[in-house]
Protein backbone atom coordinates (compact mmCIF):
# COMPACT_ATOMS: atom_id res chain seq x y z
CA ASN A 1 -13.55 -7.25 3.30
CA HIS A 2 -11.58 -8.05 0.16
CA PHE A 3 -14.83 -9.46 -1.28
CA SER A 4 -16.35 -6.03 -1.33
CA VAL A 5 -13.58 -3.84 -2.66
CA GLU A 6 -15.63 -2.35 -5.50
CA THR A 7 -18.73 -1.85 -3.31
CA CYS A 8 -16.69 -0.02 -0.66
CA PHE A 9 -14.92 2.06 -3.26
CA HIS A 10 -18.14 3.19 -4.92
CA GLU A 11 -19.81 3.91 -1.52
CA TRP A 12 -17.01 6.15 -0.49
CA ARG A 13 -16.70 7.69 -3.92
CA SER A 14 -20.29 8.81 -3.80
CA HIS A 15 -19.78 10.55 -0.42
CA PRO A 16 -19.59 14.31 -0.88
CA ASN A 17 -16.85 14.84 1.73
CA VAL A 18 -14.48 12.13 0.44
CA LYS A 19 -12.03 13.43 -2.21
CA THR A 20 -9.65 10.50 -2.57
CA PHE A 21 -9.42 6.78 -1.73
CA CYS A 22 -6.48 4.96 -0.21
CA VAL A 23 -6.03 1.30 0.68
CA ASP A 24 -3.77 -0.92 2.84
CA PHE A 25 -3.56 -4.65 3.29
CA TYR A 26 -3.40 -6.34 6.61
CA THR A 27 0.12 -7.08 7.72
CA PRO A 28 0.50 -10.23 9.86
CA ILE A 29 2.17 -9.89 13.25
CA GLU A 30 4.29 -12.82 14.39
CA THR A 31 2.69 -13.20 17.88
CA LEU A 32 -0.90 -12.98 16.72
CA SER A 33 -2.99 -15.90 15.45
CA ASP A 34 -5.53 -14.62 13.00
CA ASP A 35 -7.41 -15.34 9.84
CA LEU A 36 -7.15 -11.82 8.40
CA THR A 37 -4.13 -12.47 6.25
CA LEU A 38 -4.65 -12.93 2.56
CA THR A 39 -2.41 -15.31 0.67
CA MET A 40 -0.17 -13.58 -1.82
CA GLU A 41 -2.29 -14.98 -4.66
CA GLU A 42 -5.44 -13.53 -3.08
CA ARG A 43 -3.74 -10.22 -2.51
CA ASP A 44 -2.53 -10.16 -6.19
CA ALA A 45 -6.12 -10.72 -7.30
CA VAL A 46 -7.35 -7.82 -5.14
CA LEU A 47 -4.52 -5.64 -6.51
CA GLU A 48 -5.70 -6.44 -10.05
CA ARG A 49 -9.22 -5.24 -9.11
CA LEU A 50 -7.76 -2.13 -7.53
CA LEU A 51 -5.73 -1.40 -10.63
CA LYS A 52 -8.87 -1.58 -12.73
CA LEU A 53 -10.53 0.91 -10.36
CA LYS A 54 -7.44 3.13 -10.58
CA ASP A 55 -7.59 3.04 -14.38
CA ALA A 56 -11.28 3.87 -14.39
CA TYR A 57 -10.96 6.66 -11.71
CA PRO A 58 -7.36 7.92 -11.84
CA ARG A 59 -7.89 11.14 -9.98
CA TYR A 60 -9.96 9.62 -7.18
CA PHE A 61 -7.27 7.15 -6.09
CA ALA A 62 -4.75 8.69 -3.68
CA ILE A 63 -2.24 5.95 -4.58
CA ASP A 64 -0.22 5.99 -7.78
CA ARG A 65 -0.61 3.00 -10.03
CA SER A 66 3.11 2.22 -9.56
CA VAL A 67 2.62 1.88 -5.78
CA LEU A 68 -0.12 -0.75 -6.30
CA GLU A 69 2.17 -2.53 -8.85
CA LEU A 70 4.97 -2.61 -6.31
CA MET A 71 2.69 -4.36 -3.81
CA HIS A 72 2.25 -7.31 -6.26
CA SER A 73 3.92 -10.50 -5.04
CA SER A 74 6.33 -10.48 -7.98
CA ARG A 75 7.73 -7.09 -6.92
CA SER A 76 6.99 -6.60 -3.24
CA ARG A 77 10.13 -8.21 -1.83
CA ALA A 78 12.34 -5.75 -3.75
CA VAL A 79 10.66 -3.10 -1.52
CA THR A 80 10.28 -4.93 1.77
CA ASP A 81 13.79 -6.48 1.74
CA HIS A 82 15.21 -2.90 1.61
CA CYS A 83 12.41 -1.08 3.38
CA VAL A 84 12.90 2.70 3.05
CA PHE A 85 10.65 3.33 6.06
CA ALA A 86 12.73 1.10 8.33
CA LYS A 87 15.94 2.84 7.22
CA ARG A 88 14.87 6.47 7.10
CA ALA A 89 11.76 7.00 9.26
CA SER A 90 10.63 6.51 12.84
CA ALA A 91 7.29 5.60 14.44
CA PHE A 92 6.41 6.04 18.10
CA ASP A 93 3.94 4.32 20.44
CA PRO A 94 1.35 6.28 22.45
CA MET A 95 3.96 6.85 25.23
CA GLY A 96 6.42 8.38 22.82
CA VAL A 97 8.79 5.35 22.73
CA ARG A 98 10.30 4.68 19.35
CA LYS A 99 8.99 1.47 17.74
CA GLU A 100 11.58 -0.90 16.52
CA LYS A 101 11.67 -1.70 12.81
CA CYS A 102 8.59 0.11 11.62
CA MET A 103 5.22 1.62 12.49
CA LEU A 104 3.85 -1.87 12.97
CA GLY A 105 6.48 -2.82 15.49
CA ASN A 106 9.29 -5.36 15.49
CA LYS A 107 7.05 -8.41 15.09
CA ALA A 108 5.50 -7.35 11.78
CA ASP A 109 5.97 -9.86 8.98
CA CYS A 110 7.85 -7.73 6.45
CA ASN A 111 7.71 -10.49 3.77
CA ARG A 112 3.90 -10.02 3.65
CA CYS A 113 3.81 -6.29 4.49
CA GLY A 114 0.53 -4.74 3.42
CA CYS A 115 1.21 -1.23 4.59
CA VAL A 116 1.18 1.22 1.67
CA VAL A 117 3.81 3.53 3.27
CA PRO A 118 6.97 1.58 2.39
CA PHE A 119 5.77 1.08 -1.14
CA TYR A 120 4.90 4.73 -1.46
CA MET A 121 8.24 5.83 -0.05
CA TYR A 122 9.98 3.48 -2.50
CA SER A 123 8.08 5.02 -5.40
CA LEU A 124 9.36 8.45 -4.26
CA THR A 125 13.02 7.35 -4.09
CA HIS A 126 13.45 4.78 -6.89
CA LYS A 127 14.37 6.92 -9.84
CA PRO A 128 12.76 4.91 -12.68
CA THR A 129 9.54 4.78 -10.67
CA VAL A 130 9.67 8.52 -9.98
CA ILE A 131 10.15 9.32 -13.71
CA ARG A 132 7.24 7.07 -14.67
CA ASN A 133 5.01 8.63 -12.03
CA VAL A 134 5.81 12.14 -13.26
CA TRP A 135 5.14 11.08 -16.87
CA ASN A 136 1.82 9.51 -15.87
CA LYS A 137 0.76 12.62 -13.95
CA LEU A 138 1.58 14.85 -16.90
CA SER A 139 -0.42 12.54 -19.19
CA LEU A 140 -3.53 13.04 -17.03
CA LYS A 141 -3.55 16.82 -17.56
């Protein structure tokens, strides 16, 4: 569905009950064979399109610009190599058993993580990113 990012965004934006928009990328799982995974170059191109939408509709995007920027291939490993979620949070399966590593389980390919949560958590704990986010929010008012 990466071909229809803008179409999807505008369809949801026009829905009266939708207040904000959030996005994730598919995270490959080691044991699954699939064709859902974008290359990092494809993902970067989608991120550029999302950043343009974020700039055009800053209040409608639930994700801060800095989070999308952290997901870019040039910066993502700084987050995933030291995943805040894996270190400080827990996820449980439907039976209440703690999942190893993260909410996607122990076979998730962290190098190509598409889950927004670790990037969002990083943006809340990495001081330069926090300061920039606060400044950007104040600038919107």
